[in-house]
Every structure is written in structure tokens, then in C-alpha cells.
Protein backbone atom coordinates (compact mmCIF):
# COMPACT_ATOMS: atom_id res chain seq x y z
CA ILE A 1 -1.78 -17.60 -28.26
CA ASP A 2 -3.86 -17.80 -25.18
CA ALA A 3 -7.08 -15.37 -25.01
CA HIS A 4 -6.44 -14.94 -20.93
CA ARG A 5 -2.43 -13.92 -21.64
CA TRP A 6 -3.19 -11.89 -24.44
CA GLN A 7 -6.12 -9.95 -22.28
CA LEU A 8 -3.04 -9.29 -19.89
CA ALA A 9 -1.25 -7.49 -22.96
CA LEU A 10 -3.95 -5.17 -22.60
CA TYR A 11 -2.47 -3.64 -19.77
CA LEU A 12 0.91 -2.54 -21.65
CA SER A 13 1.24 0.89 -23.12
CA GLY A 14 -1.59 1.56 -25.96
CA LEU A 15 1.24 1.94 -28.42
CA LEU A 16 2.74 -1.32 -27.89
CA TYR A 17 -0.60 -3.14 -27.76
CA ARG A 18 -1.43 -1.61 -31.35
CA SER A 19 1.79 -3.07 -32.38
CA MET A 20 1.48 -6.34 -31.08
CA GLN A 21 -2.00 -6.52 -32.80
CA GLN A 22 -1.03 -4.61 -35.99
CA LEU A 23 1.74 -7.91 -36.22
CA LEU A 24 -1.37 -10.61 -35.76
CA ASP A 25 -3.38 -9.04 -37.98
CA TYR A 26 -1.18 -8.60 -40.79
CA PRO A 27 -2.58 -10.34 -43.90
CA GLU A 28 0.21 -10.84 -46.33
CA GLU A 29 3.01 -13.50 -46.01
CA ALA A 30 6.22 -10.88 -45.53
CA VAL A 31 5.94 -10.80 -42.35
CA GLU A 32 9.69 -10.56 -41.65
CA GLU A 33 10.58 -8.37 -44.36
CA ILE A 34 8.17 -5.68 -43.12
CA PHE A 35 8.15 -6.16 -39.52
CA SER A 36 11.91 -7.09 -39.38
CA LEU A 37 11.64 -8.74 -35.67
CA ASN A 38 13.60 -11.73 -33.92
CA PHE A 39 12.62 -13.43 -30.56
CA THR A 40 14.04 -10.60 -28.44
CA ILE A 41 13.19 -8.02 -26.46
CA THR A 42 15.07 -4.61 -25.13
CA VAL A 43 14.91 -3.75 -21.95
CA GLU A 44 16.28 -0.82 -19.80
CA LYS A 45 18.01 -1.31 -16.54
CA PHE A 46 19.52 1.57 -14.48
CA GLY A 47 19.79 3.92 -17.55
CA LEU A 48 21.38 0.63 -19.55
CA THR A 49 19.93 -1.14 -22.54
CA GLU A 50 19.88 -4.42 -22.51
CA VAL A 51 18.46 -7.30 -25.34
CA LYS A 52 16.84 -10.25 -23.95
CA GLU A 53 16.39 -13.33 -25.66
CA LEU A 54 13.09 -14.77 -25.55
CA VAL A 55 13.99 -18.38 -26.63
CA PRO A 56 17.52 -19.89 -27.20
CA ASP A 57 19.08 -18.34 -29.78
CA GLY A 58 16.55 -15.81 -30.30
CA THR A 59 18.75 -13.17 -31.79
CA ASN A 60 19.04 -15.46 -35.16
CA VAL A 61 14.82 -16.40 -35.13
CA PRO A 62 13.53 -14.25 -37.24
CA VAL A 63 9.65 -13.48 -36.66
CA THR A 64 7.36 -14.76 -39.60
CA LYS A 65 3.86 -14.97 -40.39
CA TYR A 66 3.97 -18.71 -38.89
CA ASN A 67 5.75 -17.70 -35.49
CA ARG A 68 4.10 -14.29 -34.50
CA HIS A 69 1.77 -16.07 -32.15
CA GLU A 70 4.28 -17.93 -30.67
CA PHE A 71 6.46 -14.45 -30.68
CA VAL A 72 3.70 -12.47 -28.85
CA ALA A 73 3.06 -15.09 -26.61
CA ALA A 74 6.94 -15.16 -25.36
CA TYR A 75 6.81 -11.37 -25.15
CA VAL A 76 3.76 -11.38 -23.25
CA ASP A 77 5.11 -13.98 -21.06
CA TYR A 78 8.78 -12.25 -20.24
CA VAL A 79 6.77 -9.01 -19.32
CA PHE A 80 4.01 -10.64 -17.05
CA ASN A 81 6.02 -13.51 -15.67
CA LYS A 82 9.89 -13.50 -15.97
CA SER A 83 11.26 -9.88 -15.83
CA ILE A 84 9.37 -10.15 -12.27
CA ALA A 85 9.88 -13.65 -11.68
CA SER A 86 12.10 -12.58 -8.32
CA LEU A 87 10.21 -10.05 -7.16
CA PHE A 88 7.08 -12.23 -7.18
CA ASP A 89 9.25 -15.06 -5.48
CA GLY A 90 9.75 -12.43 -2.64
CA PHE A 91 6.53 -11.15 -2.39
CA PHE A 92 5.07 -14.73 -2.54
CA GLU A 93 7.30 -15.54 0.10
CA GLY A 94 6.13 -12.66 2.18
CA PHE A 95 2.75 -12.93 1.81
CA HIS A 96 2.54 -16.75 2.79
CA LYS A 97 4.16 -15.84 5.98
CA VAL A 98 1.42 -13.60 6.78
CA CYS A 99 -1.69 -14.99 5.40
CA GLY A 100 -0.55 -18.64 4.57
CA GLY A 101 -2.24 -21.92 5.41
CA LYS A 102 -4.87 -24.08 3.82
CA VAL A 103 -7.57 -21.40 4.22
CA LEU A 104 -6.16 -19.52 0.60
CA GLN A 105 -7.86 -22.84 -0.78
CA LEU A 106 -11.07 -21.43 -0.02
CA PHE A 107 -10.68 -18.11 -2.39
CA GLN A 108 -11.08 -17.75 -5.58
CA PRO A 109 -8.42 -15.22 -7.10
CA ASN A 110 -10.96 -12.24 -7.24
CA GLU A 111 -12.17 -12.93 -3.73
CA LEU A 112 -8.91 -13.35 -2.49
CA GLN A 113 -7.85 -9.59 -4.12
CA ALA A 114 -10.80 -8.34 -2.27
CA MET A 115 -9.85 -9.55 1.04
CA VAL A 116 -6.66 -7.93 0.37
CA ILE A 117 -7.36 -4.91 -0.91
CA GLY A 118 -10.85 -4.13 -0.31
CA ASN A 119 -13.75 -3.92 -3.64
CA ALA A 120 -15.66 -1.14 -5.80
CA ASN A 121 -18.84 -1.70 -4.86
CA TYR A 122 -19.90 1.74 -3.80
CA ASP A 123 -22.87 2.33 -2.43
CA TRP A 124 -23.11 6.28 -1.42
CA ASN A 125 -26.75 6.21 0.11
CA GLU A 126 -25.62 3.29 2.31
CA TRP A 127 -22.56 5.20 3.52
CA GLU A 128 -24.57 8.01 4.79
CA LYS A 129 -27.26 5.98 6.38
CA ASN A 130 -24.39 4.41 8.80
CA THR A 131 -22.87 7.93 8.94
CA ASP A 132 -22.17 8.73 12.79
CA TYR A 133 -22.11 12.50 14.03
CA LYS A 134 -20.44 14.36 17.03
CA GLY A 135 -20.91 17.45 19.11
CA GLU A 136 -23.80 19.60 17.67
CA TYR A 137 -23.63 17.61 14.28
CA TRP A 138 -26.69 15.51 13.50
CA ALA A 139 -28.24 14.09 10.15
CA ASP A 140 -30.32 17.07 10.19
CA HIS A 141 -28.49 20.01 11.07
CA PRO A 142 -27.60 22.52 7.51
CA THR A 143 -24.17 22.17 7.48
CA ILE A 144 -24.51 17.75 7.08
CA LYS A 145 -27.60 18.21 4.88
CA LEU A 146 -25.27 20.92 2.93
CA PHE A 147 -22.35 18.41 2.87
CA TRP A 148 -24.02 15.46 1.57
CA ALA A 149 -26.19 17.24 -0.99
CA VAL A 150 -22.33 18.32 -2.25
CA PHE A 151 -21.06 15.06 -1.65
CA HIS A 152 -24.44 13.11 -4.21
CA GLU A 153 -23.31 15.85 -6.94
CA LEU A 154 -19.87 14.85 -6.96
CA PRO A 155 -18.41 12.85 -9.95
CA LEU A 156 -17.58 9.43 -9.01
CA GLU A 157 -14.01 10.31 -9.39
CA LYS A 158 -14.51 12.73 -6.83
CA LYS A 159 -16.27 10.58 -4.41
CA LYS A 160 -13.21 8.15 -4.49
CA ARG A 161 -10.74 10.77 -4.01
CA PHE A 162 -12.82 12.26 -0.72
CA LEU A 163 -12.79 8.67 0.18
CA LEU A 164 -9.35 8.57 -0.34
CA PHE A 165 -8.80 11.53 1.80
CA LEU A 166 -10.89 10.18 4.38
CA THR A 167 -9.43 6.41 4.99
CA GLY A 168 -6.13 6.51 3.05
CA SER A 169 -7.69 4.15 0.62
CA ASP A 170 -9.99 4.55 -2.25
CA ARG A 171 -11.21 1.14 -1.72
CA ILE A 172 -14.01 -0.23 0.55
CA PRO A 173 -14.12 -3.34 2.63
CA ILE A 174 -14.78 -6.98 1.34
CA LEU A 175 -18.44 -6.68 3.42
CA GLY A 176 -19.43 -3.08 1.81
CA MET A 177 -19.98 0.33 2.99
CA LYS A 178 -22.12 -0.79 6.03
CA SER A 179 -18.64 -1.81 7.54
CA LEU A 180 -16.77 1.20 6.42
CA LYS A 181 -17.51 3.55 9.39
CA PHE A 182 -17.80 7.68 9.16
CA LEU A 183 -17.86 10.24 11.78
CA ILE A 184 -18.30 13.98 11.41
CA GLN A 185 -17.55 16.33 14.15
CA PRO A 186 -17.82 20.04 14.07
CA THR A 187 -14.72 22.13 13.96
CA GLY A 188 -14.10 26.12 14.36
CA GLY A 189 -12.85 28.76 11.74
CA GLY A 190 -15.97 28.75 9.91
CA ASP A 191 -15.82 29.57 5.92
CA ASN A 192 -12.11 30.29 5.85
CA TYR A 193 -10.51 26.78 6.84
CA LEU A 194 -10.49 23.60 5.16
CA PRO A 195 -12.17 20.10 6.04
CA VAL A 196 -9.61 17.88 8.04
CA ALA A 197 -9.67 14.30 7.85
CA HIS A 198 -7.89 11.67 10.47
CA THR A 199 -7.62 8.60 8.36
CA CYS A 200 -7.05 6.40 11.59
CA PHE A 201 -10.78 6.73 12.93
CA ASN A 202 -12.51 7.98 9.45
CA LEU A 203 -13.03 10.91 11.53
CA LEU A 204 -14.30 14.32 9.41
CA ASP A 205 -13.29 17.56 10.98
CA LEU A 206 -16.01 19.62 9.15
CA PRO A 207 -16.26 23.38 9.69
CA LYS A 208 -20.00 24.91 10.21
CA TYR A 209 -20.36 26.38 6.33
CA THR A 210 -23.27 28.05 6.11
CA ASP A 211 -23.73 27.99 2.17
CA LYS A 212 -23.28 25.19 -0.43
CA GLU A 213 -20.60 26.64 -2.78
CA THR A 214 -18.21 27.12 -0.02
CA LEU A 215 -19.09 23.68 1.47
CA ARG A 216 -18.02 22.17 -2.13
CA THR A 217 -15.17 24.22 -2.99
CA LYS A 218 -13.23 23.93 0.29
CA LEU A 219 -14.30 20.13 0.06
CA ILE A 220 -12.77 19.56 -2.83
CA GLN A 221 -9.65 21.90 -2.49
CA ALA A 222 -9.30 19.94 0.44
CA ILE A 223 -9.31 16.36 -1.64
CA ASP A 224 -7.71 17.73 -4.61
CA ASN A 225 -4.60 18.38 -2.27
CA TYR A 226 -4.54 15.16 -0.31
CA GLU A 227 -2.29 11.82 -0.95
CA GLY A 228 -3.59 8.24 0.63
CA PHE A 229 -1.86 5.28 0.24
CA SER A 230 -3.12 1.61 -1.37
CA LEU A 231 -1.66 -1.50 -2.18
CA VAL A 232 -3.19 -0.99 -6.18
């Protein structure tokens, strides 16, 4: 089986992946008797179960020790290509209407992905250096120093959730953190209020918290109860 195609199968459910790998690794001749498979796949559409043939007359083609690699290849091809062909064709047409042209030929797939949805090369210290402040806040304001102390202590997933909270996406621009502007301004209410994000402007309204634990609690409460958007 094609190695790249089999790597794609890793994205299938763990149970299905293990079943396919077990089929490929089975050492005995009696694959047909043990697994009782044929060249079909069972799919569910709108609550109805349907059997799709992976090859012509697949219902009558048993999976054996000698054709099991072809079965797995056909199965993966159906899942990743044929089953979504109509959806992909619509996406392909729409994408090329917006981003078409010879310029696409200049990009590798990973480069194009980064252009469209951003990347995940986070540099949080760089981001802090490029953050701007409004009103009474400046880089050495006590609340700002508390904020960055709390932020840098957060695990990666919480940092990404903050990015989602602030910008609407947990990805960053292709040019990196230095191109992701971040603005913090003070707001009234004190310790009883949560931070508020204005995603269109990457602007954070940060109450003037006076202790680290309160800031941590309120920040995590805000980001854990927010849903943004992204393309992946």
C-alpha cells in the first residue's frame, strides 16, 4: 500500500486504524476465514445504512492474504477521496475563483496551507514585546506585569485558547507573532469583572486586577467559555 495514503489513514478512528493494521499484519494464510471481509464499505447517510462496493462486484470479492493491501488502499481511497468528491469539487471551484491563477504554482502544499489558515509557530515572548497599550496601561504597569506573568505560566493549550478568545482563531499569520498586533486597554469594574476581547481589533479590555490569582481565575474563566472560528 502507498505509504503516504496509509499515513492518511492515521486520521481515521483509532479502532478502525487498529483493525486495518491487524489485517495487514496477520501472519497466517486464513485471512479470508478469520476476517470475513469483502471489497465493500458500509456507510451511513441520513440515518440509513448503505453498502458501497470498492471495486466492481466487490460484494463477491473476498479479502485474502494476497489482496489485503489492495483492500486497505481502496478503503482509504474511498474515505479520503471518493466519498467526498462532490464536496471537494465544490470547494475546489470556489477556492480557485477567489485564489486562482498561476501564482498557486509557486507554493508547496504546506506553504499554501500557512497562507490560508496561518501557522502554529508560536513565539509568546516576541508577542509580548510587540504588544501595545492604551490609557493608563504601559508595559510596566502592575496589572500588565501580572497579566504577562499569568499568561506565560499557562500551558500551551490555554495560550492557544486565549489566542482564539482574542482573535477568533488559534493560528497566527504566516509572518509570525510579530505581525499579530495585540492591544490592551484598561476597563472599569475591578476584580468582579472578566476580561473582554474585541476580535475585530485584537483588543483586550483588561480590568485593573490587583493580585495574580484573581487575574488568573478571571482570565481562564473568560477564555474557557468562549468559542471562536477557524478554517481547521
